[in-house]
Protein backbone atom coordinates (compact mmCIF):
# COMPACT_ATOMS: atom_id res chain seq x y z
CA MET A 1 24.28 25.71 -2.44
CA ARG A 2 22.89 22.26 -3.22
CA GLN A 3 24.32 18.99 -1.94
CA ASN A 4 24.53 16.21 -4.56
CA PHE A 5 23.76 12.63 -3.49
CA GLY A 6 23.87 10.75 -6.78
CA ALA A 7 21.16 8.43 -8.04
CA LYS A 8 18.97 7.43 -5.08
CA PRO A 9 15.36 6.23 -4.78
CA TRP A 10 14.48 9.32 -2.74
CA THR A 11 11.16 11.06 -3.24
CA TYR A 12 8.64 12.56 -0.85
CA PRO A 13 6.16 11.37 0.09
CA GLN A 14 6.57 7.62 -0.36
CA PRO A 15 3.38 5.91 0.76
CA VAL A 16 3.65 2.80 2.86
CA PHE A 17 1.58 0.21 1.01
CA ILE A 18 0.62 -3.16 2.44
CA LEU A 19 0.04 -5.64 -0.38
CA ALA A 20 -2.09 -8.68 0.41
CA ALA A 21 -2.95 -11.79 -1.60
CA TYR A 22 -4.08 -15.36 -1.08
CA GLY A 23 -1.71 -18.27 -1.51
CA GLU A 24 -2.70 -21.32 -3.54
CA ASP A 25 -3.92 -22.96 -0.32
CA GLY A 26 -6.10 -19.92 0.54
CA THR A 27 -3.78 -18.58 3.25
CA PRO A 28 -3.69 -14.75 3.30
CA ASN A 29 -0.30 -13.09 3.08
CA ALA A 30 0.91 -9.49 3.17
CA MET A 31 4.04 -7.45 2.67
CA ASN A 32 5.17 -3.84 3.07
CA ALA A 33 6.09 -1.94 -0.12
CA ALA A 34 7.01 1.73 -0.44
CA TRP A 35 7.95 2.01 -4.10
CA GLY A 36 4.69 2.54 -5.90
CA GLY A 37 1.85 4.78 -6.85
CA ILE A 38 -0.88 5.64 -9.32
CA SER A 39 0.23 5.09 -12.91
CA ASP A 40 -3.10 5.64 -14.74
CA ASP A 41 -6.70 6.51 -13.85
CA GLU A 42 -7.46 2.91 -12.97
CA GLU A 43 -3.97 1.55 -12.39
CA LEU A 44 -1.40 1.13 -9.63
CA SER A 45 2.24 0.24 -10.26
CA LEU A 46 4.57 -1.09 -7.60
CA CYS A 47 8.12 -2.37 -7.48
CA ILE A 48 8.34 -5.74 -5.72
CA SER A 49 10.93 -8.45 -6.27
CA ALA A 50 10.08 -11.91 -7.54
CA GLY A 51 11.42 -13.61 -4.38
CA HIS A 52 8.56 -12.43 -2.17
CA LYS A 53 5.88 -14.95 -1.23
CA THR A 54 3.34 -12.20 -1.86
CA THR A 55 4.60 -11.82 -5.43
CA ALA A 56 4.13 -15.54 -6.06
CA ASN A 57 0.66 -15.36 -4.51
CA ILE A 58 -0.34 -12.39 -6.68
CA LEU A 59 0.86 -14.15 -9.81
CA SER A 60 -1.09 -17.26 -8.84
CA SER A 61 -4.35 -15.58 -7.73
CA ARG A 62 -4.19 -12.74 -10.30
CA ALA A 63 -5.47 -10.30 -7.64
CA PHE A 64 -4.29 -8.29 -4.64
CA THR A 65 -5.25 -5.50 -2.26
CA VAL A 66 -3.16 -2.47 -1.38
CA SER A 67 -3.92 -1.06 2.07
CA MET A 68 -2.64 2.23 3.39
CA ALA A 69 -0.41 1.75 6.43
CA THR A 70 -1.57 3.80 9.41
CA VAL A 71 -0.11 5.35 12.54
CA GLY A 72 -2.00 2.93 14.80
CA GLN A 73 -0.74 -0.12 12.88
CA MET A 74 2.81 1.14 12.23
CA ALA A 75 4.63 -1.66 14.11
CA ALA A 76 2.58 -4.41 12.42
CA CYS A 77 3.05 -2.73 9.03
CA ASP A 78 6.82 -2.65 9.58
CA TYR A 79 6.78 -6.27 10.78
CA VAL A 80 5.24 -7.56 7.54
CA GLY A 81 8.07 -5.79 5.73
CA VAL A 82 10.93 -7.24 7.77
CA GLU A 83 9.56 -10.78 8.10
CA SER A 84 9.18 -13.11 5.13
CA SER A 85 6.21 -15.42 4.67
CA ASN A 86 8.67 -17.77 3.01
CA ASP A 87 10.01 -18.28 6.56
CA VAL A 88 6.95 -17.48 8.72
CA PRO A 89 3.73 -18.69 7.08
CA ASN A 90 1.50 -17.24 9.84
CA LYS A 91 2.99 -13.75 9.50
CA LEU A 92 -0.43 -12.02 9.49
CA GLU A 93 -1.46 -13.80 12.67
CA LYS A 94 1.81 -12.73 14.34
CA ALA A 95 1.12 -9.15 13.19
CA GLY A 96 -2.23 -9.37 15.00
CA TRP A 97 -4.21 -8.94 11.78
CA HIS A 98 -7.46 -10.47 10.60
CA THR A 99 -8.73 -10.60 7.04
CA THR A 100 -11.99 -10.49 5.14
CA ARG A 101 -12.34 -11.62 1.52
CA SER A 102 -12.84 -8.73 -0.91
CA GLN A 103 -16.21 -8.67 -2.66
CA PHE A 104 -14.51 -7.49 -5.86
CA VAL A 105 -11.26 -9.44 -6.30
CA ASN A 106 -9.87 -12.75 -5.03
CA ALA A 107 -7.73 -11.12 -2.34
CA PRO A 108 -7.89 -10.41 1.40
CA LEU A 109 -8.73 -7.09 3.01
CA ILE A 110 -6.85 -6.49 6.25
CA ASP A 111 -9.49 -5.61 8.84
CA GLU A 112 -7.13 -3.47 10.94
CA LEU A 113 -6.17 -1.25 7.97
CA PRO A 114 -9.24 0.87 7.19
CA MET A 115 -8.53 1.80 3.55
CA ALA A 116 -7.66 -0.47 0.64
CA VAL A 117 -7.38 -0.39 -3.13
CA GLU A 118 -8.60 -3.69 -4.58
CA CYS A 119 -6.81 -4.74 -7.78
CA SER A 120 -6.73 -7.37 -10.47
CA LEU A 121 -3.33 -8.20 -11.90
CA VAL A 122 -2.50 -6.55 -15.21
CA SER A 123 1.16 -7.54 -15.50
CA TYR A 124 4.37 -8.34 -13.71
CA ASP A 125 7.87 -8.01 -15.15
CA PRO A 126 10.43 -9.97 -13.09
CA ASP A 127 13.33 -8.12 -14.75
CA SER A 128 12.16 -4.66 -13.66
CA CYS A 129 10.11 -5.96 -10.67
CA ARG A 130 7.20 -3.80 -11.88
CA LEU A 131 3.78 -5.03 -10.78
CA VAL A 132 0.75 -3.38 -12.38
CA GLY A 133 -2.76 -3.75 -11.05
CA ARG A 134 -6.08 -2.53 -12.40
CA ILE A 135 -8.06 -0.74 -9.69
CA VAL A 136 -11.40 -2.51 -9.34
CA ASN A 137 -12.58 -0.88 -6.12
CA VAL A 138 -11.48 1.37 -3.27
CA SER A 139 -12.97 0.55 0.12
CA ALA A 140 -12.79 2.34 3.44
CA ASP A 141 -14.15 1.65 6.89
CA GLU A 142 -16.81 4.12 8.02
CA SER A 143 -14.53 5.12 10.92
CA VAL A 144 -12.29 7.06 8.50
CA LEU A 145 -15.03 8.86 6.58
CA ASP A 146 -15.94 12.52 7.02
CA GLY A 147 -19.49 13.92 7.24
CA THR A 148 -19.85 13.85 3.44
CA GLY A 149 -18.90 10.17 3.12
CA LYS A 150 -15.38 10.83 1.77
CA ILE A 151 -12.12 9.46 3.20
CA ASP A 152 -10.71 11.86 5.80
CA PRO A 153 -6.88 11.70 5.93
CA ASP A 154 -6.93 13.04 9.51
CA LYS A 155 -9.05 10.07 10.57
CA LEU A 156 -7.18 7.55 8.38
CA GLN A 157 -3.76 8.70 9.68
CA PRO A 158 -1.69 7.22 6.83
CA ILE A 159 2.05 7.02 7.27
CA ILE A 160 4.75 7.69 4.70
CA PHE A 161 8.25 6.28 4.37
CA ASP A 162 11.27 8.56 4.70
CA PRO A 163 13.93 6.69 2.69
CA ILE A 164 16.74 9.03 3.71
CA HIS A 165 16.36 8.45 7.45
CA ALA A 166 14.71 4.98 7.28
CA ALA A 167 11.74 6.35 9.19
CA TYR A 168 7.96 6.39 9.09
CA CYS A 169 6.25 9.78 9.31
CA ARG A 170 2.68 10.88 9.86
CA LEU A 171 1.07 12.58 6.87
CA GLY A 172 0.99 16.34 7.43
CA GLU A 173 -1.72 18.93 7.65
CA LYS A 174 -3.60 20.57 4.80
CA VAL A 175 -1.74 23.59 3.45
CA GLY A 176 -3.80 24.56 0.41
CA ASN A 177 -6.48 23.74 -2.14
CA ALA A 178 -5.53 21.67 -5.17
CA PHE A 179 -6.58 23.03 -8.56
CA GLN A 180 -7.61 26.32 -6.95
CA ASP A 181 -4.81 28.17 -5.15
CA GLY A 182 -2.59 28.34 -8.24
CA LEU A 183 -5.33 30.08 -10.21
CA ALA A 184 -4.35 33.31 -8.44
CA LEU A 185 -1.12 33.29 -10.48
CA LYS A 186 -2.86 33.02 -13.88
């Protein structure tokens, strides 16, 4: 028998995204966001409220990066979600992070997070809190690449958000082959 919970924002997995943008004064800023994902071949959509400093920075700079939170940076990734840059302007420094300017968009890459999606702003709707970015580039540190030059999730060690238990979890092991294993049922 199923248990009913009502309308909840519960899905699995929910990636833990770290959004980063430059303020008008050039100061890098970042925040943690779990409600988002791919919405088109070259598009990301995220739900972030208008009150975030990062939202204001994205609207001003018209660009942002979305890094994948990792096991090794879990505490810092959580910190940038529970602390506001409206209150603590040096939040990235307190997280122990360093940044490098993206070659593709006017936004910072967080050096300690080895994979990022670099985006230009498409739109933001303050009523729905929906932020849409056009994917300009995906970059990854060589330390998380496999022997063929592709991103290896075992090396990246991305974390996901468990909204039911308010927990972060390690991404699991490979259990099958996409676009292949289901062919046996044709």
